[in-house]
């Protein structure tokens, strides 16, 4: 478990939360980090972090479907006791990070 100040980005703690046996990472758009995404994929870890829009680049319908699918998948995995115990951040009653086996 990792505790940070409220004004610190959660994504800064993600490398400390990952374990060698993790096979998937799920998170909201606050966890978008291309270097972590590339490292996870290189290690064979599924990257299910929601895509983030910007003012210049809106999410396409396909991107929105991906985000919805990842959110549903993360909720299903969070119900498993071996995974839910490793979800350190909860916001608005929704788990925002979890590792899958």
Protein backbone atom coordinates (compact mmCIF):
# COMPACT_ATOMS: atom_id res chain seq x y z
CA UNK A 1 0.00 0.00 0.00
CA UNK A 2 1.21 3.46 -0.84
CA UNK A 3 -0.03 6.73 0.65
CA UNK A 4 0.53 10.13 -0.98
CA UNK A 5 -0.58 13.71 -0.46
CA UNK A 6 -3.87 14.65 -2.10
CA UNK A 7 -2.10 17.02 -4.49
CA UNK A 8 0.24 14.30 -5.84
CA UNK A 9 -0.74 12.38 -8.96
CA UNK A 10 -1.67 8.74 -8.30
CA UNK A 11 0.19 7.65 -11.42
CA UNK A 12 3.47 8.54 -9.70
CA UNK A 13 2.93 5.54 -7.39
CA UNK A 14 1.97 3.03 -10.07
CA UNK A 15 5.49 1.59 -10.56
CA UNK A 16 5.64 0.88 -6.80
CA UNK A 17 2.29 -0.94 -6.88
CA UNK A 18 3.01 -3.31 -9.75
CA UNK A 19 4.17 -6.82 -8.94
CA UNK A 20 6.04 -9.35 -11.04
CA UNK A 21 3.03 -11.65 -11.32
CA UNK A 22 0.65 -8.92 -12.55
CA UNK A 23 -0.74 -9.65 -15.99
CA UNK A 24 -3.01 -6.61 -16.40
CA UNK A 25 -3.30 -3.00 -15.29
CA UNK A 26 -6.62 -1.18 -15.24
CA UNK A 27 -7.18 2.45 -14.32
CA UNK A 28 -9.00 5.64 -15.12
CA UNK A 29 -7.59 8.31 -17.42
CA UNK A 30 -5.51 9.71 -14.55
CA UNK A 31 -3.13 6.79 -15.08
CA UNK A 32 -2.32 7.65 -18.69
CA UNK A 33 1.46 7.53 -19.07
CA UNK A 34 2.95 6.44 -22.38
CA UNK A 35 6.29 5.37 -20.90
CA UNK A 36 4.55 3.10 -18.36
CA UNK A 37 2.26 1.79 -21.10
CA UNK A 38 5.22 0.87 -23.32
CA UNK A 39 7.07 -0.77 -20.40
CA UNK A 40 4.00 -2.77 -19.41
CA UNK A 41 3.40 -4.00 -22.94
CA UNK A 42 7.08 -4.92 -23.33
CA UNK A 43 6.78 -7.00 -20.14
CA UNK A 44 3.68 -8.73 -21.54
CA UNK A 45 1.26 -6.93 -19.20
CA UNK A 46 -2.15 -5.98 -20.61
CA UNK A 47 -2.64 -2.19 -20.41
CA UNK A 48 -6.35 -1.47 -19.79
CA UNK A 49 -6.05 2.17 -18.78
CA UNK A 50 -8.78 4.44 -20.10
CA UNK A 51 -7.91 6.66 -23.03
CA UNK A 52 -7.87 10.41 -22.45
CA UNK A 53 -9.18 13.11 -24.74
CA UNK A 54 -7.70 16.56 -25.13
CA UNK A 55 -9.16 19.79 -26.41
CA UNK A 56 -7.55 19.16 -29.80
CA UNK A 57 -8.14 15.40 -29.96
CA UNK A 58 -11.57 14.17 -28.90
CA UNK A 59 -12.19 10.49 -28.26
CA UNK A 60 -13.65 8.62 -31.21
CA UNK A 61 -16.64 6.31 -30.79
CA UNK A 62 -14.21 3.37 -30.85
CA UNK A 63 -12.12 4.98 -28.07
CA UNK A 64 -15.26 5.51 -25.98
CA UNK A 65 -16.24 1.85 -26.46
CA UNK A 66 -12.73 0.80 -25.35
CA UNK A 67 -13.01 2.93 -22.20
CA UNK A 68 -16.42 1.45 -21.39
CA UNK A 69 -15.15 -2.10 -21.97
CA UNK A 70 -12.09 -1.55 -19.74
CA UNK A 71 -14.25 -0.05 -16.99
CA UNK A 72 -16.60 -3.05 -17.04
CA UNK A 73 -13.68 -5.49 -17.08
CA UNK A 74 -11.98 -3.74 -14.15
CA UNK A 75 -15.20 -3.95 -12.10
CA UNK A 76 -15.48 -7.68 -12.77
CA UNK A 77 -11.86 -8.27 -11.75
CA UNK A 78 -12.20 -6.08 -8.66
CA UNK A 79 -14.81 -8.52 -7.30
CA UNK A 80 -12.18 -11.24 -7.07
CA UNK A 81 -10.70 -11.30 -3.55
CA UNK A 82 -7.15 -11.95 -4.76
CA UNK A 83 -7.32 -8.75 -6.80
CA UNK A 84 -9.55 -6.41 -4.79
CA UNK A 85 -7.13 -6.54 -1.87
CA UNK A 86 -4.51 -4.96 -4.18
CA UNK A 87 -6.65 -1.99 -5.30
CA UNK A 88 -5.34 0.89 -3.20
CA UNK A 89 -7.34 3.79 -4.57
CA UNK A 90 -11.11 4.11 -4.46
CA UNK A 91 -12.88 7.21 -5.75
CA UNK A 92 -16.63 7.71 -5.73
CA UNK A 93 -17.14 4.05 -4.85
CA UNK A 94 -15.28 2.92 -7.99
CA UNK A 95 -11.93 1.17 -7.96
CA UNK A 96 -9.44 3.13 -10.01
CA UNK A 97 -6.53 0.71 -10.07
CA UNK A 98 -6.20 -3.04 -9.99
CA UNK A 99 -3.88 -5.77 -11.21
CA UNK A 100 -5.15 -8.89 -12.94
CA UNK A 101 -3.85 -12.42 -12.84
